N, C-alpha and C. Protein backbone atom coordinates (compact mmCIF):
# COMPACT_ATOMS: atom_id res chain seq x y z
N UNK A 1 94.38 39.44 40.59
CA UNK A 1 93.00 39.86 40.42
C UNK A 1 92.58 40.73 41.58
N UNK A 2 91.81 41.72 41.29
CA UNK A 2 91.35 42.67 42.31
C UNK A 2 90.24 42.07 43.16
N UNK A 3 90.18 42.54 44.40
CA UNK A 3 89.13 42.15 45.32
C UNK A 3 88.08 43.26 45.36
N UNK A 4 86.81 42.90 45.10
CA UNK A 4 85.71 43.85 45.15
C UNK A 4 84.91 43.63 46.42
N UNK A 5 84.67 44.70 47.16
CA UNK A 5 83.84 44.66 48.35
C UNK A 5 82.96 45.90 48.36
N UNK A 6 81.98 45.89 49.27
CA UNK A 6 81.10 47.05 49.43
C UNK A 6 81.14 47.48 50.89
N UNK A 7 80.90 48.77 51.10
CA UNK A 7 80.61 49.25 52.44
C UNK A 7 79.62 50.40 52.31
N UNK A 8 78.81 50.56 53.35
CA UNK A 8 77.81 51.62 53.33
C UNK A 8 78.48 52.99 53.27
N UNK A 9 77.87 53.89 52.57
CA UNK A 9 78.33 55.29 52.49
C UNK A 9 78.13 55.93 53.86
N UNK A 10 79.14 56.68 54.27
CA UNK A 10 79.07 57.48 55.51
C UNK A 10 79.22 58.94 55.14
N UNK A 11 78.97 59.79 56.11
CA UNK A 11 79.12 61.23 55.88
C UNK A 11 80.56 61.59 55.51
N UNK A 12 81.52 60.82 55.98
CA UNK A 12 82.91 61.08 55.63
C UNK A 12 83.16 60.91 54.13
N UNK A 13 82.27 60.20 53.44
CA UNK A 13 82.42 59.96 51.99
C UNK A 13 81.83 61.09 51.15
N UNK A 14 81.13 62.02 51.75
CA UNK A 14 80.45 63.05 50.96
C UNK A 14 81.38 63.87 50.07
N UNK A 15 82.57 64.28 50.54
CA UNK A 15 83.46 65.00 49.63
C UNK A 15 83.87 64.16 48.41
N UNK A 16 84.10 62.88 48.62
CA UNK A 16 84.43 61.99 47.50
C UNK A 16 83.25 61.87 46.54
N UNK A 17 82.03 61.71 47.08
CA UNK A 17 80.86 61.64 46.21
C UNK A 17 80.71 62.91 45.39
N UNK A 18 80.93 64.07 46.02
CA UNK A 18 80.84 65.33 45.30
C UNK A 18 81.86 65.39 44.18
N UNK A 19 83.05 64.92 44.46
CA UNK A 19 84.11 64.89 43.43
C UNK A 19 83.69 63.98 42.28
N UNK A 20 83.22 62.78 42.60
CA UNK A 20 82.80 61.85 41.53
C UNK A 20 81.63 62.41 40.72
N UNK A 21 80.65 63.00 41.42
CA UNK A 21 79.47 63.53 40.71
C UNK A 21 79.85 64.66 39.76
N UNK A 22 80.99 65.29 40.01
CA UNK A 22 81.47 66.38 39.13
C UNK A 22 82.28 65.85 37.96
N UNK A 23 82.70 64.58 38.00
CA UNK A 23 83.46 64.03 36.89
C UNK A 23 82.56 63.98 35.65
N UNK A 24 83.08 64.39 34.50
CA UNK A 24 82.22 64.48 33.31
C UNK A 24 81.48 63.20 32.96
N UNK A 25 82.11 62.03 33.14
CA UNK A 25 81.43 60.79 32.76
C UNK A 25 80.27 60.45 33.72
N UNK A 26 80.29 60.97 34.92
CA UNK A 26 79.17 60.78 35.87
C UNK A 26 78.18 61.92 35.71
N UNK A 27 78.67 63.13 35.68
CA UNK A 27 77.81 64.31 35.59
C UNK A 27 76.89 64.25 34.39
N UNK A 28 77.39 63.70 33.29
CA UNK A 28 76.59 63.63 32.07
C UNK A 28 75.26 62.91 32.30
N UNK A 29 75.28 61.84 33.08
CA UNK A 29 74.06 61.02 33.26
C UNK A 29 73.35 61.29 34.57
N UNK A 30 74.09 61.62 35.62
CA UNK A 30 73.43 61.85 36.91
C UNK A 30 72.97 63.29 37.08
N UNK A 31 73.69 64.24 36.44
CA UNK A 31 73.28 65.65 36.50
C UNK A 31 72.96 66.08 37.92
N UNK A 32 73.87 65.85 38.81
CA UNK A 32 73.65 66.05 40.24
C UNK A 32 74.40 67.29 40.73
N UNK A 33 73.77 68.05 41.58
CA UNK A 33 74.46 69.16 42.21
C UNK A 33 75.56 68.60 43.12
N UNK A 34 76.67 69.32 43.20
CA UNK A 34 77.82 68.80 43.94
C UNK A 34 78.21 69.63 45.16
N UNK A 35 77.45 70.68 45.45
CA UNK A 35 77.80 71.47 46.63
C UNK A 35 77.45 70.66 47.89
N UNK A 36 78.08 70.97 49.02
CA UNK A 36 77.87 70.17 50.23
C UNK A 36 76.40 70.03 50.63
N UNK A 37 75.61 71.09 50.47
CA UNK A 37 74.20 71.01 50.86
C UNK A 37 73.44 70.02 50.00
N UNK A 38 73.75 69.96 48.71
CA UNK A 38 73.07 69.04 47.81
C UNK A 38 73.45 67.58 48.10
N UNK A 39 74.73 67.35 48.35
CA UNK A 39 75.19 66.00 48.67
C UNK A 39 74.55 65.56 49.99
N UNK A 40 74.50 66.46 50.95
CA UNK A 40 73.84 66.17 52.24
C UNK A 40 72.37 65.84 52.01
N UNK A 41 71.69 66.66 51.23
CA UNK A 41 70.25 66.46 50.94
C UNK A 41 70.00 65.08 50.33
N UNK A 42 70.84 64.67 49.40
CA UNK A 42 70.56 63.46 48.65
C UNK A 42 71.17 62.18 49.21
N UNK A 43 72.14 62.31 50.08
CA UNK A 43 72.80 61.11 50.62
C UNK A 43 72.75 61.03 52.15
N UNK A 44 72.42 62.13 52.81
CA UNK A 44 72.45 62.18 54.27
C UNK A 44 71.50 61.23 54.95
N UNK A 45 70.26 61.18 54.53
CA UNK A 45 69.27 60.31 55.19
C UNK A 45 69.66 58.84 55.06
N UNK A 46 70.17 58.45 53.92
CA UNK A 46 70.60 57.06 53.75
C UNK A 46 71.82 56.77 54.60
N UNK A 47 72.77 57.68 54.63
CA UNK A 47 73.98 57.49 55.44
C UNK A 47 73.63 57.36 56.91
N UNK A 48 72.59 58.08 57.35
CA UNK A 48 72.18 58.03 58.76
C UNK A 48 71.22 56.90 59.06
N UNK A 49 70.79 56.16 58.02
CA UNK A 49 69.82 55.09 58.26
C UNK A 49 68.41 55.57 58.44
N UNK A 50 68.11 56.81 58.03
CA UNK A 50 66.76 57.38 58.17
C UNK A 50 65.92 57.19 56.91
N UNK A 51 66.49 56.58 55.90
CA UNK A 51 65.79 56.34 54.64
C UNK A 51 66.01 54.88 54.28
N UNK A 52 64.98 54.25 53.67
CA UNK A 52 65.12 52.83 53.36
C UNK A 52 66.11 52.52 52.24
N UNK A 53 66.41 53.48 51.38
CA UNK A 53 67.40 53.26 50.33
C UNK A 53 68.78 53.09 50.95
N UNK A 54 69.59 52.23 50.33
CA UNK A 54 70.95 51.99 50.84
C UNK A 54 71.96 52.37 49.78
N UNK A 55 72.94 53.18 50.19
CA UNK A 55 74.02 53.60 49.30
C UNK A 55 75.30 52.87 49.73
N UNK A 56 75.98 52.28 48.75
CA UNK A 56 77.21 51.54 49.01
C UNK A 56 78.34 52.07 48.14
N UNK A 57 79.53 52.15 48.72
CA UNK A 57 80.72 52.38 47.92
C UNK A 57 81.23 51.03 47.47
N UNK A 58 81.62 50.97 46.20
CA UNK A 58 82.34 49.82 45.70
C UNK A 58 83.81 50.07 46.01
N UNK A 59 84.45 49.09 46.64
CA UNK A 59 85.87 49.19 46.93
C UNK A 59 86.61 48.18 46.07
N UNK A 60 87.64 48.63 45.39
CA UNK A 60 88.52 47.76 44.61
C UNK A 60 89.83 47.71 45.37
N UNK A 61 90.15 46.54 45.88
CA UNK A 61 91.34 46.39 46.74
C UNK A 61 91.34 47.46 47.83
N UNK A 62 90.16 47.61 48.44
CA UNK A 62 89.91 48.52 49.56
C UNK A 62 89.93 50.00 49.21
N UNK A 63 90.03 50.35 47.91
CA UNK A 63 90.02 51.75 47.49
C UNK A 63 88.68 52.07 46.83
N UNK A 64 88.04 53.17 47.20
CA UNK A 64 86.74 53.52 46.63
C UNK A 64 86.83 53.71 45.10
N UNK A 65 85.87 53.13 44.40
CA UNK A 65 85.85 53.21 42.94
C UNK A 65 84.49 53.58 42.37
N UNK A 66 83.41 53.31 43.09
CA UNK A 66 82.09 53.57 42.54
C UNK A 66 81.03 53.60 43.61
N UNK A 67 79.82 53.89 43.17
CA UNK A 67 78.65 53.97 44.04
C UNK A 67 77.55 53.09 43.44
N UNK A 68 76.86 52.34 44.30
CA UNK A 68 75.68 51.62 43.87
C UNK A 68 74.62 51.77 44.96
N UNK A 69 73.42 52.02 44.53
CA UNK A 69 72.29 52.19 45.44
C UNK A 69 71.32 51.04 45.23
N UNK A 70 70.71 50.60 46.32
CA UNK A 70 69.64 49.62 46.19
C UNK A 70 68.46 50.07 47.04
N UNK A 71 67.26 49.82 46.50
CA UNK A 71 66.04 50.22 47.18
C UNK A 71 64.94 49.23 46.85
N UNK A 72 64.10 48.97 47.83
CA UNK A 72 62.90 48.21 47.57
C UNK A 72 61.89 49.14 46.93
N UNK A 73 61.34 48.75 45.81
CA UNK A 73 60.40 49.63 45.12
C UNK A 73 59.17 49.96 45.97
N UNK A 74 58.73 49.04 46.82
CA UNK A 74 57.56 49.33 47.65
C UNK A 74 57.80 50.47 48.64
N UNK A 75 59.06 50.79 48.91
CA UNK A 75 59.38 51.91 49.79
C UNK A 75 59.27 53.26 49.09
N UNK A 76 59.11 53.24 47.77
CA UNK A 76 59.04 54.47 46.97
C UNK A 76 57.86 54.38 46.01
N UNK A 77 56.63 54.66 46.49
CA UNK A 77 55.43 54.46 45.69
C UNK A 77 55.42 55.17 44.33
N UNK A 78 55.96 56.38 44.27
CA UNK A 78 55.97 57.09 42.97
C UNK A 78 56.87 56.36 41.98
N UNK A 79 58.01 55.88 42.44
CA UNK A 79 58.92 55.15 41.57
C UNK A 79 58.30 53.81 41.16
N UNK A 80 57.66 53.15 42.09
CA UNK A 80 56.96 51.91 41.80
C UNK A 80 55.92 52.11 40.70
N UNK A 81 55.17 53.17 40.82
CA UNK A 81 54.14 53.48 39.81
C UNK A 81 54.77 53.72 38.45
N UNK A 82 55.88 54.41 38.40
CA UNK A 82 56.57 54.69 37.14
C UNK A 82 57.03 53.39 36.47
N UNK A 83 57.63 52.50 37.26
CA UNK A 83 58.06 51.21 36.72
C UNK A 83 56.85 50.39 36.27
N UNK A 84 55.80 50.38 37.10
CA UNK A 84 54.62 49.56 36.82
C UNK A 84 53.88 50.03 35.57
N UNK A 85 54.06 51.28 35.19
CA UNK A 85 53.45 51.76 33.94
C UNK A 85 54.10 51.13 32.73
N UNK A 86 55.32 50.62 32.88
CA UNK A 86 56.07 50.06 31.76
C UNK A 86 56.19 48.55 31.77
N UNK A 87 56.14 47.94 32.98
CA UNK A 87 56.41 46.51 33.05
C UNK A 87 55.78 45.93 34.32
N UNK A 88 55.68 44.62 34.36
CA UNK A 88 55.23 43.92 35.55
C UNK A 88 56.31 44.07 36.62
N UNK A 89 55.89 44.46 37.82
CA UNK A 89 56.84 44.61 38.93
C UNK A 89 56.42 43.64 40.03
N UNK A 90 57.20 42.59 40.23
CA UNK A 90 56.84 41.64 41.28
C UNK A 90 56.94 42.27 42.67
N UNK A 91 56.06 41.85 43.56
CA UNK A 91 56.08 42.35 44.93
C UNK A 91 57.43 42.00 45.55
N UNK A 92 58.08 42.99 46.14
CA UNK A 92 59.37 42.79 46.77
C UNK A 92 60.57 43.07 45.86
N UNK A 93 60.32 43.56 44.65
CA UNK A 93 61.42 43.86 43.73
C UNK A 93 62.30 44.98 44.28
N UNK A 94 63.58 44.87 43.94
CA UNK A 94 64.60 45.85 44.34
C UNK A 94 65.11 46.53 43.07
N UNK A 95 65.39 47.82 43.15
CA UNK A 95 66.01 48.54 42.05
C UNK A 95 67.44 48.92 42.41
N UNK A 96 68.26 49.05 41.39
CA UNK A 96 69.64 49.50 41.60
C UNK A 96 69.93 50.68 40.67
N UNK A 97 70.83 51.52 41.14
CA UNK A 97 71.36 52.62 40.33
C UNK A 97 72.83 52.70 40.71
N UNK A 98 73.68 53.18 39.81
CA UNK A 98 75.10 52.98 40.01
C UNK A 98 75.93 53.89 39.11
N UNK A 99 77.19 54.04 39.47
CA UNK A 99 78.18 54.63 38.59
C UNK A 99 79.58 54.28 39.08
N UNK A 100 80.50 54.25 38.16
CA UNK A 100 81.92 54.15 38.51
C UNK A 100 82.40 55.59 38.62
N UNK A 101 82.85 55.99 39.79
CA UNK A 101 83.20 57.39 40.01
C UNK A 101 84.64 57.71 39.69
N UNK A 102 85.53 56.79 40.02
CA UNK A 102 86.95 57.02 39.82
C UNK A 102 87.29 56.83 38.34
N UNK A 103 87.73 57.89 37.71
CA UNK A 103 88.01 57.88 36.27
C UNK A 103 88.96 56.77 35.88
N UNK A 104 89.95 56.47 36.74
CA UNK A 104 90.92 55.44 36.38
C UNK A 104 90.31 54.03 36.34
N UNK A 105 89.09 53.88 36.83
CA UNK A 105 88.43 52.57 36.83
C UNK A 105 87.38 52.41 35.72
N UNK A 106 87.22 53.43 34.90
CA UNK A 106 86.22 53.32 33.82
C UNK A 106 86.78 52.54 32.65
N UNK A 107 85.87 51.97 31.87
CA UNK A 107 86.27 51.27 30.65
C UNK A 107 86.97 49.95 30.87
N UNK A 108 86.81 49.35 32.07
CA UNK A 108 87.49 48.10 32.37
C UNK A 108 86.53 46.96 32.73
N UNK A 109 85.24 47.20 32.56
CA UNK A 109 84.25 46.18 32.92
C UNK A 109 83.90 46.17 34.39
N UNK A 110 84.36 47.16 35.13
CA UNK A 110 84.10 47.21 36.57
C UNK A 110 82.62 47.44 36.88
N UNK A 111 81.94 48.20 36.02
CA UNK A 111 80.50 48.42 36.24
C UNK A 111 79.74 47.11 36.24
N UNK A 112 80.03 46.25 35.27
CA UNK A 112 79.39 44.94 35.20
C UNK A 112 79.70 44.13 36.45
N UNK A 113 80.96 44.12 36.87
CA UNK A 113 81.35 43.37 38.07
C UNK A 113 80.66 43.91 39.31
N UNK A 114 80.54 45.23 39.41
CA UNK A 114 79.87 45.85 40.55
C UNK A 114 78.40 45.45 40.59
N UNK A 115 77.73 45.52 39.46
CA UNK A 115 76.31 45.18 39.39
C UNK A 115 76.12 43.71 39.78
N UNK A 116 76.91 42.83 39.19
CA UNK A 116 76.79 41.40 39.49
C UNK A 116 77.05 41.11 40.97
N UNK A 117 78.04 41.77 41.54
CA UNK A 117 78.36 41.55 42.95
C UNK A 117 77.22 42.07 43.85
N UNK A 118 76.62 43.19 43.48
CA UNK A 118 75.50 43.70 44.28
C UNK A 118 74.30 42.78 44.16
N UNK A 119 74.04 42.25 42.99
CA UNK A 119 72.92 41.32 42.84
C UNK A 119 73.14 40.10 43.73
N UNK A 120 74.35 39.57 43.76
CA UNK A 120 74.65 38.44 44.65
C UNK A 120 74.40 38.83 46.11
N UNK A 121 74.77 40.03 46.46
CA UNK A 121 74.56 40.53 47.83
C UNK A 121 73.06 40.64 48.12
N UNK A 122 72.28 41.09 47.15
CA UNK A 122 70.82 41.20 47.32
C UNK A 122 70.23 39.81 47.53
N UNK A 123 70.62 38.86 46.70
CA UNK A 123 70.06 37.49 46.84
C UNK A 123 70.35 36.96 48.23
N UNK A 124 71.52 37.25 48.78
CA UNK A 124 71.90 36.73 50.10
C UNK A 124 71.25 37.52 51.24
N UNK A 125 71.32 38.83 51.17
CA UNK A 125 70.86 39.66 52.29
C UNK A 125 69.36 39.94 52.29
N UNK A 126 68.74 39.89 51.12
CA UNK A 126 67.30 40.18 50.99
C UNK A 126 66.63 38.96 50.36
N UNK A 127 66.52 37.87 51.11
CA UNK A 127 66.06 36.60 50.52
C UNK A 127 64.65 36.60 49.95
N UNK A 128 63.82 37.58 50.29
CA UNK A 128 62.47 37.63 49.75
C UNK A 128 62.42 38.38 48.41
N UNK A 129 63.54 38.89 47.95
CA UNK A 129 63.57 39.65 46.69
C UNK A 129 63.44 38.70 45.51
N UNK A 130 62.37 38.85 44.70
CA UNK A 130 62.18 37.97 43.56
C UNK A 130 62.93 38.43 42.29
N UNK A 131 63.22 39.75 42.22
CA UNK A 131 63.83 40.29 41.01
C UNK A 131 64.50 41.62 41.32
N UNK A 132 65.51 41.94 40.51
CA UNK A 132 66.18 43.23 40.58
C UNK A 132 65.90 43.94 39.27
N UNK A 133 65.52 45.22 39.35
CA UNK A 133 65.22 46.03 38.18
C UNK A 133 66.15 47.23 38.12
N UNK A 134 66.34 47.74 36.92
CA UNK A 134 67.10 48.97 36.72
C UNK A 134 66.52 49.68 35.51
N UNK A 135 66.42 50.99 35.60
CA UNK A 135 65.98 51.81 34.46
C UNK A 135 67.14 52.67 34.02
N UNK A 136 67.38 52.70 32.71
CA UNK A 136 68.53 53.42 32.16
C UNK A 136 68.07 54.26 30.98
N UNK A 137 68.53 55.49 30.92
CA UNK A 137 68.27 56.32 29.73
C UNK A 137 68.77 55.56 28.51
N UNK A 138 67.93 55.47 27.48
CA UNK A 138 68.27 54.67 26.30
C UNK A 138 69.59 55.11 25.67
N UNK A 139 69.93 56.38 25.77
CA UNK A 139 71.16 56.87 25.17
C UNK A 139 72.41 56.45 25.93
N UNK A 140 72.25 55.97 27.17
CA UNK A 140 73.40 55.59 27.99
C UNK A 140 73.78 54.14 27.72
N UNK A 141 74.32 53.91 26.55
CA UNK A 141 74.66 52.56 26.10
C UNK A 141 75.60 51.84 27.04
N UNK A 142 76.63 52.53 27.55
CA UNK A 142 77.56 51.86 28.47
C UNK A 142 76.84 51.29 29.69
N UNK A 143 75.86 52.02 30.19
CA UNK A 143 75.16 51.56 31.39
C UNK A 143 74.29 50.34 31.09
N UNK A 144 73.49 50.41 30.02
CA UNK A 144 72.63 49.24 29.76
C UNK A 144 73.41 48.04 29.26
N UNK A 145 74.54 48.26 28.63
CA UNK A 145 75.37 47.12 28.24
C UNK A 145 75.99 46.45 29.48
N UNK A 146 76.34 47.24 30.50
CA UNK A 146 76.85 46.67 31.74
C UNK A 146 75.79 45.78 32.39
N UNK A 147 74.55 46.22 32.36
CA UNK A 147 73.46 45.39 32.90
C UNK A 147 73.33 44.09 32.12
N UNK A 148 73.38 44.19 30.80
CA UNK A 148 73.25 42.98 29.99
C UNK A 148 74.39 42.00 30.27
N UNK A 149 75.60 42.51 30.40
CA UNK A 149 76.75 41.64 30.69
C UNK A 149 76.62 41.02 32.08
N UNK A 150 75.88 41.67 32.99
CA UNK A 150 75.66 41.14 34.33
C UNK A 150 74.48 40.16 34.37
N UNK A 151 73.86 39.91 33.23
CA UNK A 151 72.79 38.92 33.15
C UNK A 151 71.39 39.47 33.10
N UNK A 152 71.23 40.79 33.14
CA UNK A 152 69.90 41.39 33.07
C UNK A 152 69.37 41.30 31.64
N UNK A 153 68.05 41.29 31.53
CA UNK A 153 67.43 41.32 30.20
C UNK A 153 66.49 42.52 30.13
N UNK A 154 66.44 43.09 28.93
CA UNK A 154 65.55 44.24 28.73
C UNK A 154 64.11 43.74 28.68
N UNK A 155 63.25 44.31 29.53
CA UNK A 155 61.87 43.86 29.59
C UNK A 155 60.88 44.93 29.15
N UNK A 156 61.33 46.17 29.02
CA UNK A 156 60.42 47.24 28.63
C UNK A 156 61.22 48.45 28.18
N UNK A 157 60.51 49.32 27.50
CA UNK A 157 61.05 50.63 27.19
C UNK A 157 59.90 51.61 27.15
N UNK A 158 60.19 52.83 27.54
CA UNK A 158 59.15 53.84 27.55
C UNK A 158 59.65 55.09 28.25
N UNK A 159 58.76 56.09 28.36
CA UNK A 159 59.17 57.36 28.94
C UNK A 159 59.25 57.31 30.47
N UNK A 160 60.34 57.87 30.96
CA UNK A 160 60.57 58.11 32.39
C UNK A 160 61.28 59.45 32.50
N UNK A 161 61.15 60.10 33.62
CA UNK A 161 61.81 61.39 33.82
C UNK A 161 63.32 61.17 33.88
N UNK A 162 64.09 61.75 32.94
CA UNK A 162 65.53 61.56 32.99
C UNK A 162 66.18 62.40 34.08
N UNK A 163 67.32 61.93 34.60
CA UNK A 163 68.06 62.71 35.60
C UNK A 163 68.60 63.99 34.96
N UNK A 164 68.99 63.91 33.70
CA UNK A 164 69.52 65.07 32.99
C UNK A 164 68.45 65.57 32.02
N UNK A 165 67.99 66.80 32.16
CA UNK A 165 66.91 67.30 31.30
C UNK A 165 67.28 67.37 29.81
N UNK A 166 68.57 67.25 29.48
CA UNK A 166 68.93 67.25 28.06
C UNK A 166 68.62 65.92 27.39
N UNK A 167 68.36 64.88 28.21
CA UNK A 167 68.10 63.55 27.65
C UNK A 167 66.65 63.37 27.25
N UNK A 168 66.47 62.55 26.23
CA UNK A 168 65.15 62.12 25.83
C UNK A 168 64.58 61.28 26.98
N UNK A 169 63.27 61.29 27.20
CA UNK A 169 62.71 60.51 28.30
C UNK A 169 62.73 58.98 28.06
N UNK A 170 63.10 58.53 26.85
CA UNK A 170 63.10 57.11 26.58
C UNK A 170 64.09 56.38 27.48
N UNK A 171 63.57 55.43 28.24
CA UNK A 171 64.37 54.59 29.14
C UNK A 171 64.17 53.13 28.76
N UNK A 172 65.19 52.33 29.05
CA UNK A 172 65.09 50.89 28.97
C UNK A 172 64.99 50.36 30.41
N UNK A 173 64.09 49.42 30.60
CA UNK A 173 63.97 48.79 31.91
C UNK A 173 64.55 47.38 31.79
N UNK A 174 65.45 47.06 32.71
CA UNK A 174 66.11 45.78 32.74
C UNK A 174 65.69 45.03 34.02
N UNK A 175 65.70 43.70 33.90
CA UNK A 175 65.28 42.86 35.02
C UNK A 175 66.14 41.59 35.09
N UNK A 176 66.44 41.21 36.32
CA UNK A 176 67.12 39.95 36.58
C UNK A 176 66.33 39.25 37.67
N UNK A 177 65.82 38.06 37.37
CA UNK A 177 65.04 37.28 38.32
C UNK A 177 65.95 36.43 39.19
N UNK A 178 65.51 36.22 40.42
CA UNK A 178 66.24 35.34 41.33
C UNK A 178 66.33 33.95 40.69
N UNK A 179 67.51 33.35 40.70
CA UNK A 179 67.64 32.00 40.13
C UNK A 179 66.80 31.00 40.93
N UNK A 180 66.30 30.01 40.23
CA UNK A 180 65.54 28.95 40.91
C UNK A 180 66.46 28.19 41.83
N UNK A 181 65.92 27.82 42.99
CA UNK A 181 66.75 27.10 43.98
C UNK A 181 67.04 25.69 43.56
């Protein structure tokens, strides 16, 4: 069985992130620019600790396989407002966003394992977090199914700005509450 771990993204990872963001299965949903300036713009502040959002590489047997981001919604008022327009957002909620970047790791349930492992990390490292939320374009069935398999439940649906302008704005919002002690 493979060992899954996380480590914070560093600037040395930027070429790998650019490569992953260019992979068709990632590019389709993230629609991210991959030139060095764009990767620097979108990941540099987090890598340097100048932004409250945290970017982590998922490592499978110590080899990079994916990216998962976690952020406290209160640190991003516009995003908090967007979520709050669709569902109740408990104070202290954390959001996650993610992808499996390495093509050889897709289609194996690794996304679900990554999400579940990050949620466990959130419960341990951020003990005041009452819930984890994620918003997914409704058309991205693989993504929202991974959330469901990780224990999340769909709590809302409605319009949000999609990462890819070709997508309909319809998003599903998923939530996982901290287990009772």
